[in-house]
PDB file of N, CA and C in Angstrom:
ATOM      1  N   UNK A   1       0.808  -1.265   0.000  1.00  0.00           N
ATOM      2  CA  UNK A   1      -0.026   0.017   0.088  1.00  0.00           C
ATOM      3  C   UNK A   1       0.932   1.224  -0.057  1.00  0.00           C
ATOM      4  N   UNK A   2       0.705   2.243  -0.896  1.00  0.00           N
ATOM      5  CA  UNK A   2       1.285   3.388  -0.908  1.00  0.00           C
ATOM      6  C   UNK A   2       0.254   4.443  -0.336  1.00  0.00           C
ATOM      7  N   UNK A   3       0.609   5.049   0.839  1.00  0.00           N
ATOM      8  CA  UNK A   3      -0.369   5.983   1.559  1.00  0.00           C
ATOM      9  C   UNK A   3       0.227   7.360   1.151  1.00  0.00           C
ATOM     10  N   UNK A   4      -0.640   8.299   0.671  1.00  0.00           N
ATOM     11  CA  UNK A   4      -0.404   9.553   0.356  1.00  0.00           C
ATOM     12  C   UNK A   4      -0.732  10.766   1.319  1.00  0.00           C
ATOM     13  N   UNK A   5      -1.398  10.254   2.395  1.00  0.00           N
ATOM     14  CA  UNK A   5      -1.849  11.398   3.222  1.00  0.00           C
ATOM     15  C   UNK A   5      -0.653  12.010   4.036  1.00  0.00           C
ATOM     16  N   UNK A   6      -0.947  13.213   4.428  1.00  0.00           N
ATOM     17  CA  UNK A   6      -0.021  13.913   5.254  1.00  0.00           C
ATOM     18  C   UNK A   6      -0.650  14.425   6.556  1.00  0.00           C
ATOM     19  N   UNK A   7      -0.004  14.308   7.628  1.00  0.00           N
ATOM     20  CA  UNK A   7      -0.654  14.655   8.998  1.00  0.00           C
ATOM     21  C   UNK A   7      -0.510  16.135   9.291  1.00  0.00           C
ATOM     22  N   UNK A   8      -1.234  17.004   8.656  1.00  0.00           N
ATOM     23  CA  UNK A   8      -1.156  18.419   8.707  1.00  0.00           C
ATOM     24  C   UNK A   8      -2.008  18.912   9.995  1.00  0.00           C
ATOM     25  N   UNK A   9      -2.846  18.213  10.479  1.00  0.00           N
ATOM     26  CA  UNK A   9      -3.692  18.598  11.636  1.00  0.00           C
ATOM     27  C   UNK A   9      -4.100  17.576  12.445  1.00  0.00           C
ATOM     28  N   UNK A  10      -4.622  17.793  13.650  1.00  0.00           N
ATOM     29  CA  UNK A  10      -5.025  16.736  14.551  1.00  0.00           C
ATOM     30  C   UNK A  10      -5.952  15.782  13.953  1.00  0.00           C
ATOM     31  N   UNK A  11      -7.007  16.138  13.229  1.00  0.00           N
ATOM     32  CA  UNK A  11      -7.958  15.309  12.551  1.00  0.00           C
ATOM     33  C   UNK A  11      -7.330  14.289  11.641  1.00  0.00           C
ATOM     34  N   UNK A  12      -6.402  14.810  10.803  1.00  0.00           N
ATOM     35  CA  UNK A  12      -5.686  13.999   9.797  1.00  0.00           C
ATOM     36  C   UNK A  12      -4.732  12.952  10.489  1.00  0.00           C
ATOM     37  N   UNK A  13      -4.096  13.417  11.604  1.00  0.00           N
ATOM     38  CA  UNK A  13      -3.278  12.612  12.410  1.00  0.00           C
ATOM     39  C   UNK A  13      -4.060  11.394  12.990  1.00  0.00           C
ATOM     40  N   UNK A  14      -5.165  11.719  13.484  1.00  0.00           N
ATOM     41  CA  UNK A  14      -6.102  10.641  14.027  1.00  0.00           C
ATOM     42  C   UNK A  14      -6.593   9.688  12.957  1.00  0.00           C
ATOM     43  N   UNK A  15      -6.955  10.241  11.827  1.00  0.00           N
ATOM     44  CA  UNK A  15      -7.316   9.456  10.780  1.00  0.00           C
ATOM     45  C   UNK A  15      -6.262   8.388  10.136  1.00  0.00           C
ATOM     46  N   UNK A  16      -4.900   8.973  10.112  1.00  0.00           N
ATOM     47  CA  UNK A  16      -3.880   8.044   9.650  1.00  0.00           C
ATOM     48  C   UNK A  16      -3.595   7.095  10.653  1.00  0.00           C
ATOM     49  N   UNK A  17      -3.566   7.409  11.978  1.00  0.00           N
ATOM     50  CA  UNK A  17      -3.379   6.327  12.974  1.00  0.00           C
ATOM     51  C   UNK A  17      -4.418   5.351  12.989  1.00  0.00           C
ATOM     52  N   UNK A  18      -5.657   5.733  12.808  1.00  0.00           N
ATOM     53  CA  UNK A  18      -6.743   4.745  12.753  1.00  0.00           C
ATOM     54  C   UNK A  18      -6.581   3.779  11.551  1.00  0.00           C
ATOM     55  N   UNK A  19      -6.119   4.197  10.318  1.00  0.00           N
ATOM     56  CA  UNK A  19      -6.021   3.503   9.200  1.00  0.00           C
ATOM     57  C   UNK A  19      -4.756   2.517   9.422  1.00  0.00           C
ATOM     58  N   UNK A  20      -3.740   3.152  10.069  1.00  0.00           N
ATOM     59  CA  UNK A  20      -2.540   2.162  10.451  1.00  0.00           C
ATOM     60  C   UNK A  20      -3.059   1.078  11.344  1.00  0.00           C
ATOM     61  N   UNK A  21      -3.787   1.324  12.296  1.00  0.00           N
ATOM     62  CA  UNK A  21      -4.243   0.236  13.257  1.00  0.00           C
ATOM     63  C   UNK A  21      -5.112  -0.733  12.409  1.00  0.00           C
ATOM     64  N   UNK A  22      -5.915  -0.244  11.681  1.00  0.00           N
ATOM     65  CA  UNK A  22      -6.895  -1.090  10.956  1.00  0.00           C
ATOM     66  C   UNK A  22      -6.116  -1.979  10.030  1.00  0.00           C
ATOM     67  N   UNK A  23      -5.168  -1.542   9.326  1.00  0.00           N
ATOM     68  CA  UNK A  23      -4.354  -2.374   8.408  1.00  0.00           C
ATOM     69  C   UNK A  23      -3.630  -3.368   9.157  1.00  0.00           C
ATOM     70  N   UNK A  24      -2.992  -2.967  10.353  1.00  0.00           N
ATOM     71  CA  UNK A  24      -2.235  -3.829  11.053  1.00  0.00           C
ATOM     72  C   UNK A  24      -2.893  -5.124  11.589  1.00  0.00           C
ATOM     73  N   UNK A  25      -4.220  -4.767  11.886  1.00  0.00           N
ATOM     74  CA  UNK A  25      -5.106  -5.751  12.452  1.00  0.00           C
ATOM     75  C   UNK A  25      -5.692  -6.636  11.381  1.00  0.00           C
ATOM     76  N   UNK A  26      -6.051  -6.102  10.271  1.00  0.00           N
ATOM     77  CA  UNK A  26      -6.709  -6.797   9.236  1.00  0.00           C
ATOM     78  C   UNK A  26      -5.737  -7.544   8.186  1.00  0.00           C
ATOM     79  N   UNK A  27      -4.562  -6.772   7.925  1.00  0.00           N
ATOM     80  CA  UNK A  27      -3.627  -7.239   6.992  1.00  0.00           C
ATOM     81  C   UNK A  27      -2.284  -7.141   7.545  1.00  0.00           C
ATOM     82  N   UNK A  28      -1.856  -7.872   8.472  1.00  0.00           N
ATOM     83  CA  UNK A  28      -0.587  -7.697   9.243  1.00  0.00           C
ATOM     84  C   UNK A  28       0.563  -7.870   8.332  1.00  0.00           C
ATOM     85  N   UNK A  29       0.351  -8.621   7.212  1.00  0.00           N
ATOM     86  CA  UNK A  29       1.518  -8.700   6.345  1.00  0.00           C
ATOM     87  C   UNK A  29       1.787  -7.682   5.224  1.00  0.00           C
ATOM     88  N   UNK A  30       0.874  -6.737   5.109  1.00  0.00           N
ATOM     89  CA  UNK A  30       0.824  -5.827   4.150  1.00  0.00           C
ATOM     90  C   UNK A  30       1.833  -4.709   4.459  1.00  0.00           C
ATOM     91  N   UNK A  31       2.659  -4.450   3.440  1.00  0.00           N
ATOM     92  CA  UNK A  31       3.700  -3.466   3.511  1.00  0.00           C
ATOM     93  C   UNK A  31       3.200  -2.150   3.208  1.00  0.00           C
ATOM     94  N   UNK A  32       3.440  -1.024   3.982  1.00  0.00           N
ATOM     95  CA  UNK A  32       2.957   0.320   3.690  1.00  0.00           C
ATOM     96  C   UNK A  32       4.137   1.268   3.551  1.00  0.00           C
ATOM     97  N   UNK A  33       3.988   2.003   2.494  1.00  0.00           N
ATOM     98  CA  UNK A  33       5.029   3.077   2.165  1.00  0.00           C
ATOM     99  C   UNK A  33       4.222   4.371   2.206  1.00  0.00           C
ATOM    100  N   UNK A  34       4.718   5.244   2.947  1.00  0.00           N
ATOM    101  CA  UNK A  34       4.208   6.607   3.063  1.00  0.00           C
ATOM    102  C   UNK A  34       4.872   7.597   2.113  1.00  0.00           C
ATOM    103  N   UNK A  35       4.230   8.035   1.021  1.00  0.00           N
ATOM    104  CA  UNK A  35       4.846   8.807   0.000  1.00  0.00           C
ATOM    105  C   UNK A  35       3.726   9.807  -0.405  1.00  0.00           C
ATOM    106  N   UNK A  36       3.802  11.089   0.068  1.00  0.00           N
ATOM    107  CA  UNK A  36       2.690  12.166  -0.308  1.00  0.00           C
ATOM    108  C   UNK A  36       2.945  12.728  -1.621  1.00  0.00           C
ATOM    109  N   UNK A  37       4.142  12.620  -2.181  1.00  0.00           N
ATOM    110  CA  UNK A  37       4.557  13.435  -3.450  1.00  0.00           C
ATOM    111  C   UNK A  37       5.113  12.676  -4.569  1.00  0.00           C
ATOM    112  N   UNK A  38       6.032  11.822  -4.308  1.00  0.00           N
ATOM    113  CA  UNK A  38       6.761  11.058  -5.278  1.00  0.00           C
ATOM    114  C   UNK A  38       6.116   9.755  -5.665  1.00  0.00           C
ATOM    115  N   UNK A  39       4.926   9.842  -6.080  1.00  0.00           N
ATOM    116  CA  UNK A  39       4.119   8.663  -6.269  1.00  0.00           C
ATOM    117  C   UNK A  39       4.714   7.674  -7.371  1.00  0.00           C
ATOM    118  N   UNK A  40       5.105   8.313  -8.464  1.00  0.00           N
ATOM    119  CA  UNK A  40       5.609   7.321  -9.595  1.00  0.00           C
ATOM    120  C   UNK A  40       6.837   6.571  -9.072  1.00  0.00           C
ATOM    121  N   UNK A  41       7.668   7.313  -8.362  1.00  0.00           N
ATOM    122  CA  UNK A  41       8.859   6.647  -7.819  1.00  0.00           C
ATOM    123  C   UNK A  41       8.570   5.596  -6.844  1.00  0.00           C
ATOM    124  N   UNK A  42       7.610   5.750  -5.965  1.00  0.00           N
ATOM    125  CA  UNK A  42       7.275   4.800  -5.004  1.00  0.00           C
ATOM    126  C   UNK A  42       6.632   3.568  -5.618  1.00  0.00           C
ATOM    127  N   UNK A  43       5.800   3.842  -6.702  1.00  0.00           N
ATOM    128  CA  UNK A  43       5.169   2.682  -7.472  1.00  0.00           C
ATOM    129  C   UNK A  43       6.295   1.904  -8.142  1.00  0.00           C
ATOM    130  N   UNK A  44       7.134   2.615  -8.749  1.00  0.00           N
ATOM    131  CA  UNK A  44       8.311   1.870  -9.353  1.00  0.00           C
ATOM    132  C   UNK A  44       9.193   1.101  -8.327  1.00  0.00           C
ATOM    133  N   UNK A  45       9.313   1.595  -7.207  1.00  0.00           N
ATOM    134  CA  UNK A  45      10.203   0.875  -6.155  1.00  0.00           C
ATOM    135  C   UNK A  45       9.450  -0.277  -5.710  1.00  0.00           C
ATOM    136  N   UNK A  46       8.145  -0.308  -5.668  1.00  0.00           N
ATOM    137  CA  UNK A  46       7.370  -1.400  -4.911  1.00  0.00           C
ATOM    138  C   UNK A  46       6.906  -2.417  -6.045  1.00  0.00           C
ATOM    139  N   UNK A  47       7.008  -2.210  -7.251  1.00  0.00           N
ATOM    140  CA  UNK A  47       6.360  -2.955  -8.419  1.00  0.00           C
ATOM    141  C   UNK A  47       7.144  -4.118  -8.702  1.00  0.00           C
ATOM    142  N   UNK A  48       6.471  -5.397  -8.731  1.00  0.00           N
ATOM    143  CA  UNK A  48       7.049  -6.564  -9.150  1.00  0.00           C
ATOM    144  C   UNK A  48       5.923  -7.276  -9.957  1.00  0.00           C
ATOM    145  N   UNK A  49       6.134  -8.216 -10.672  1.00  0.00           N
ATOM    146  CA  UNK A  49       5.077  -9.056 -11.334  1.00  0.00           C
ATOM    147  C   UNK A  49       4.205  -9.797 -10.278  1.00  0.00           C
ATOM    148  N   UNK A  50       4.751 -10.042  -9.156  1.00  0.00           N
ATOM    149  CA  UNK A  50       3.879 -10.719  -8.120  1.00  0.00           C
ATOM    150  C   UNK A  50       3.353  -9.775  -7.053  1.00  0.00           C
ATOM    151  N   UNK A  51       3.366  -8.537  -7.231  1.00  0.00           N
ATOM    152  CA  UNK A  51       3.103  -7.603  -6.189  1.00  0.00           C
ATOM    153  C   UNK A  51       1.834  -6.802  -6.655  1.00  0.00           C
ATOM    154  N   UNK A  52       0.811  -6.727  -5.853  1.00  0.00           N
ATOM    155  CA  UNK A  52      -0.340  -5.853  -6.067  1.00  0.00           C
ATOM    156  C   UNK A  52      -0.047  -4.370  -5.178  1.00  0.00           C
ATOM    157  N   UNK A  53      -0.116  -3.382  -5.992  1.00  0.00           N
ATOM    158  CA  UNK A  53       0.326  -2.056  -5.327  1.00  0.00           C
ATOM    159  C   UNK A  53      -1.006  -1.334  -5.311  1.00  0.00           C
ATOM    160  N   UNK A  54      -1.412  -0.885  -4.181  1.00  0.00           N
ATOM    161  CA  UNK A  54      -2.698   0.007  -4.007  1.00  0.00           C
ATOM    162  C   UNK A  54      -2.136   1.248  -3.505  1.00  0.00           C
ATOM    163  N   UNK A  55      -2.760   2.403  -4.071  1.00  0.00           N
ATOM    164  CA  UNK A  55      -2.495   3.605  -3.714  1.00  0.00           C
ATOM    165  C   UNK A  55      -3.711   4.332  -2.970  1.00  0.00           C
ATOM    166  N   UNK A  56      -3.508   4.740  -1.833  1.00  0.00           N
ATOM    167  CA  UNK A  56      -4.492   5.442  -0.988  1.00  0.00           C
ATOM    168  C   UNK A  56      -3.960   6.652  -0.590  1.00  0.00           C
ATOM    169  N   UNK A  57      -4.255   7.857  -1.152  1.00  0.00           N
ATOM    170  CA  UNK A  57      -5.516   8.081  -2.010  1.00  0.00           C
ATOM    171  C   UNK A  57      -5.044   8.987  -3.143  1.00  0.00           C
ATOM    172  N   UNK A  58      -5.320   8.878  -4.328  1.00  0.00           N
ATOM    173  CA  UNK A  58      -5.105   9.657  -5.518  1.00  0.00           C
ATOM    174  C   UNK A  58      -5.412  11.122  -5.278  1.00  0.00           C
ATOM    175  N   UNK A  59      -6.713  11.320  -4.718  1.00  0.00           N
ATOM    176  CA  UNK A  59      -7.221  12.689  -4.469  1.00  0.00           C
ATOM    177  C   UNK A  59      -6.254  13.426  -3.524  1.00  0.00           C
ATOM    178  N   UNK A  60      -5.848  12.683  -2.460  1.00  0.00           N
ATOM    179  CA  UNK A  60      -4.936  13.416  -1.528  1.00  0.00           C
ATOM    180  C   UNK A  60      -3.593  13.829  -2.159  1.00  0.00           C
ATOM    181  N   UNK A  61      -3.113  12.791  -3.003  1.00  0.00           N
ATOM    182  CA  UNK A  61      -1.878  13.000  -3.675  1.00  0.00           C
ATOM    183  C   UNK A  61      -1.879  14.308  -4.572  1.00  0.00           C
ATOM    184  N   UNK A  62      -3.090  14.336  -5.448  1.00  0.00           N
ATOM    185  CA  UNK A  62      -3.207  15.450  -6.349  1.00  0.00           C
ATOM    186  C   UNK A  62      -3.263  16.711  -5.533  1.00  0.00           C
ATOM    187  N   UNK A  63      -3.982  16.720  -4.409  1.00  0.00           N
ATOM    188  CA  UNK A  63      -4.056  17.933  -3.572  1.00  0.00           C
ATOM    189  C   UNK A  63      -2.720  18.327  -2.982  1.00  0.00           C
ATOM    190  N   UNK A  64      -1.867  17.340  -2.589  1.00  0.00           N
ATOM    191  CA  UNK A  64      -0.527  17.529  -2.199  1.00  0.00           C
ATOM    192  C   UNK A  64       0.263  18.307  -3.167  1.00  0.00           C
ATOM    193  N   UNK A  65       0.179  17.921  -4.478  1.00  0.00           N
ATOM    194  CA  UNK A  65       0.977  18.486  -5.556  1.00  0.00           C
ATOM    195  C   UNK A  65       0.229  19.921  -5.935  1.00  0.00           C
ATOM    196  N   UNK A  66      -0.869  20.032  -6.044  1.00  0.00           N
ATOM    197  CA  UNK A  66      -1.670  21.270  -6.392  1.00  0.00           C
ATOM    198  C   UNK A  66      -1.598  22.417  -5.342  1.00  0.00           C
ATOM    199  N   UNK A  67      -1.710  21.946  -4.024  1.00  0.00           N
ATOM    200  CA  UNK A  67      -1.947  22.879  -2.930  1.00  0.00           C
ATOM    201  C   UNK A  67      -0.991  22.553  -1.766  1.00  0.00           C
ATOM    202  N   UNK A  68       0.336  22.730  -2.039  1.00  0.00           N
ATOM    203  CA  UNK A  68       1.313  22.412  -0.972  1.00  0.00           C
ATOM    204  C   UNK A  68       1.038  23.307   0.253  1.00  0.00           C
ATOM    205  N   UNK A  69       1.317  22.680   1.402  1.00  0.00           N
ATOM    206  CA  UNK A  69       1.029  23.260   2.724  1.00  0.00           C
ATOM    207  C   UNK A  69       2.103  24.350   3.101  1.00  0.00           C
ATOM    208  N   UNK A  70       3.227  24.277   2.469  1.00  0.00           N
ATOM    209  CA  UNK A  70       4.243  25.338   2.740  1.00  0.00           C
ATOM    210  C   UNK A  70       4.955  25.943   1.464  1.00  0.00           C
TER     211      UNK A  70
END
């Protein structure tokens, strides 16, 4: 899983933590890469013919690119 969220405020920090707990409980063997901007690079680094790569979330990734916080 490639996670694109960034913890800019308390609400987002809580959401990210909840997602991390849920994944650890439901899919303990799933690897997670946190990459808010360099999505193509992260996909290339994780991709193999035997690996399913899931991006969560393209909307947040696009927002990160178009509306940087700093």
